[in-house]
C-alpha atoms as a PDB file:
ATOM      1  CA  UNK A   1      -0.016   0.027  -0.015  1.00  0.00           C
ATOM      2  CA  UNK A   2       3.030   2.352   0.713  1.00  0.00           C
ATOM      3  CA  UNK A   3       4.166   1.848  -2.859  1.00  0.00           C
ATOM      4  CA  UNK A   4       0.610   2.896  -4.249  1.00  0.00           C
ATOM      5  CA  UNK A   5       0.694   6.019  -2.093  1.00  0.00           C
ATOM      6  CA  UNK A   6       4.127   6.920  -3.090  1.00  0.00           C
ATOM      7  CA  UNK A   7       3.156   6.606  -6.867  1.00  0.00           C
ATOM      8  CA  UNK A   8       0.177   8.771  -6.304  1.00  0.00           C
ATOM      9  CA  UNK A   9       2.434  11.436  -4.496  1.00  0.00           C
ATOM     10  CA  UNK A  10       4.865  11.445  -7.351  1.00  0.00           C
ATOM     11  CA  UNK A  11       2.333  11.718 -10.022  1.00  0.00           C
ATOM     12  CA  UNK A  12       0.745  14.700  -8.001  1.00  0.00           C
ATOM     13  CA  UNK A  13       4.072  16.307  -7.787  1.00  0.00           C
ATOM     14  CA  UNK A  14       4.971  15.972 -11.536  1.00  0.00           C
ATOM     15  CA  UNK A  15       1.495  16.876 -12.687  1.00  0.00           C
ATOM     16  CA  UNK A  16       2.122  20.524 -13.044  1.00  0.00           C
ATOM     17  CA  UNK A  17       5.041  19.695 -15.270  1.00  0.00           C
ATOM     18  CA  UNK A  18       2.730  17.713 -17.590  1.00  0.00           C
ATOM     19  CA  UNK A  19       0.288  20.713 -18.231  1.00  0.00           C
ATOM     20  CA  UNK A  20       2.863  22.992 -20.007  1.00  0.00           C
ATOM     21  CA  UNK A  21       4.260  20.131 -22.007  1.00  0.00           C
ATOM     22  CA  UNK A  22       0.792  19.245 -23.247  1.00  0.00           C
ATOM     23  CA  UNK A  23       0.028  22.776 -24.204  1.00  0.00           C
ATOM     24  CA  UNK A  24       3.342  22.992 -25.880  1.00  0.00           C
ATOM     25  CA  UNK A  25       2.658  19.889 -28.009  1.00  0.00           C
ATOM     26  CA  UNK A  26      -0.874  21.149 -28.884  1.00  0.00           C
ATOM     27  CA  UNK A  27       0.434  24.553 -29.828  1.00  0.00           C
ATOM     28  CA  UNK A  28       3.256  23.108 -32.080  1.00  0.00           C
ATOM     29  CA  UNK A  29       0.616  21.124 -33.968  1.00  0.00           C
ATOM     30  CA  UNK A  30      -1.455  24.221 -34.476  1.00  0.00           C
ATOM     31  CA  UNK A  31       1.554  26.180 -35.594  1.00  0.00           C
ATOM     32  CA  UNK A  32       2.488  23.535 -38.175  1.00  0.00           C
ATOM     33  CA  UNK A  33      -1.177  23.257 -39.345  1.00  0.00           C
ATOM     34  CA  UNK A  34      -1.143  27.225 -39.628  1.00  0.00           C
ATOM     35  CA  UNK A  35       1.988  27.098 -41.646  1.00  0.00           C
ATOM     36  CA  UNK A  36       0.940  24.391 -44.008  1.00  0.00           C
ATOM     37  CA  UNK A  37      -2.418  26.103 -44.694  1.00  0.00           C
ATOM     38  CA  UNK A  38      -0.460  29.292 -45.345  1.00  0.00           C
ATOM     39  CA  UNK A  39       1.709  27.655 -47.891  1.00  0.00           C
ATOM     40  CA  UNK A  40      -1.162  25.958 -49.514  1.00  0.00           C
ATOM     41  CA  UNK A  41      -2.899  29.380 -49.979  1.00  0.00           C
ATOM     42  CA  UNK A  42       0.105  31.028 -51.226  1.00  0.00           C
ATOM     43  CA  UNK A  43       0.635  28.185 -53.872  1.00  0.00           C
ATOM     44  CA  UNK A  44      -3.039  28.545 -54.981  1.00  0.00           C
ATOM     45  CA  UNK A  45      -2.695  32.329 -55.336  1.00  0.00           C
ATOM     46  CA  UNK A  46       0.405  31.926 -57.384  1.00  0.00           C
ATOM     47  CA  UNK A  47      -1.508  29.412 -59.668  1.00  0.00           C
ATOM     48  CA  UNK A  48      -4.499  31.653 -59.997  1.00  0.00           C
ATOM     49  CA  UNK A  49      -2.116  34.479 -60.951  1.00  0.00           C
ATOM     50  CA  UNK A  50      -0.474  32.382 -63.721  1.00  0.00           C
ATOM     51  CA  UNK A  51       3.052  31.141 -63.951  1.00  0.00           C
ATOM     52  CA  UNK A  52       4.608  34.346 -65.212  1.00  0.00           C
ATOM     53  CA  UNK A  53       3.184  36.426 -62.203  1.00  0.00           C
ATOM     54  CA  UNK A  54       4.598  33.796 -59.901  1.00  0.00           C
ATOM     55  CA  UNK A  55       8.071  33.620 -61.300  1.00  0.00           C
ATOM     56  CA  UNK A  56       8.194  37.481 -61.015  1.00  0.00           C
ATOM     57  CA  UNK A  57       7.225  37.150 -57.344  1.00  0.00           C
ATOM     58  CA  UNK A  58       9.553  34.517 -56.574  1.00  0.00           C
ATOM     59  CA  UNK A  59      12.217  36.368 -58.204  1.00  0.00           C
ATOM     60  CA  UNK A  60      11.483  39.547 -56.140  1.00  0.00           C
ATOM     61  CA  UNK A  61      11.329  37.438 -52.846  1.00  0.00           C
ATOM     62  CA  UNK A  62      14.759  35.891 -53.894  1.00  0.00           C
ATOM     63  CA  UNK A  63      16.182  39.344 -54.441  1.00  0.00           C
ATOM     64  CA  UNK A  64      14.727  40.837 -51.277  1.00  0.00           C
ATOM     65  CA  UNK A  65      15.558  37.953 -48.834  1.00  0.00           C
ATOM     66  CA  UNK A  66      18.596  36.765 -50.562  1.00  0.00           C
ATOM     67  CA  UNK A  67      17.714  33.101 -50.629  1.00  0.00           C
END
């Protein structure tokens, strides 16, 4: 019975550490989903504008950001 009580005590002691970790995991997934959705929308816009416009935009971005 002492082992069970010790286990519960340890879990209660560690429980405040799990909450921020869980939030970080959820927030990270949401950030990845947001970034993915933004990229999809960007590609859709480029496809709607036409390939020439998309090439001009990519070239301007490359010059501006140096990538």
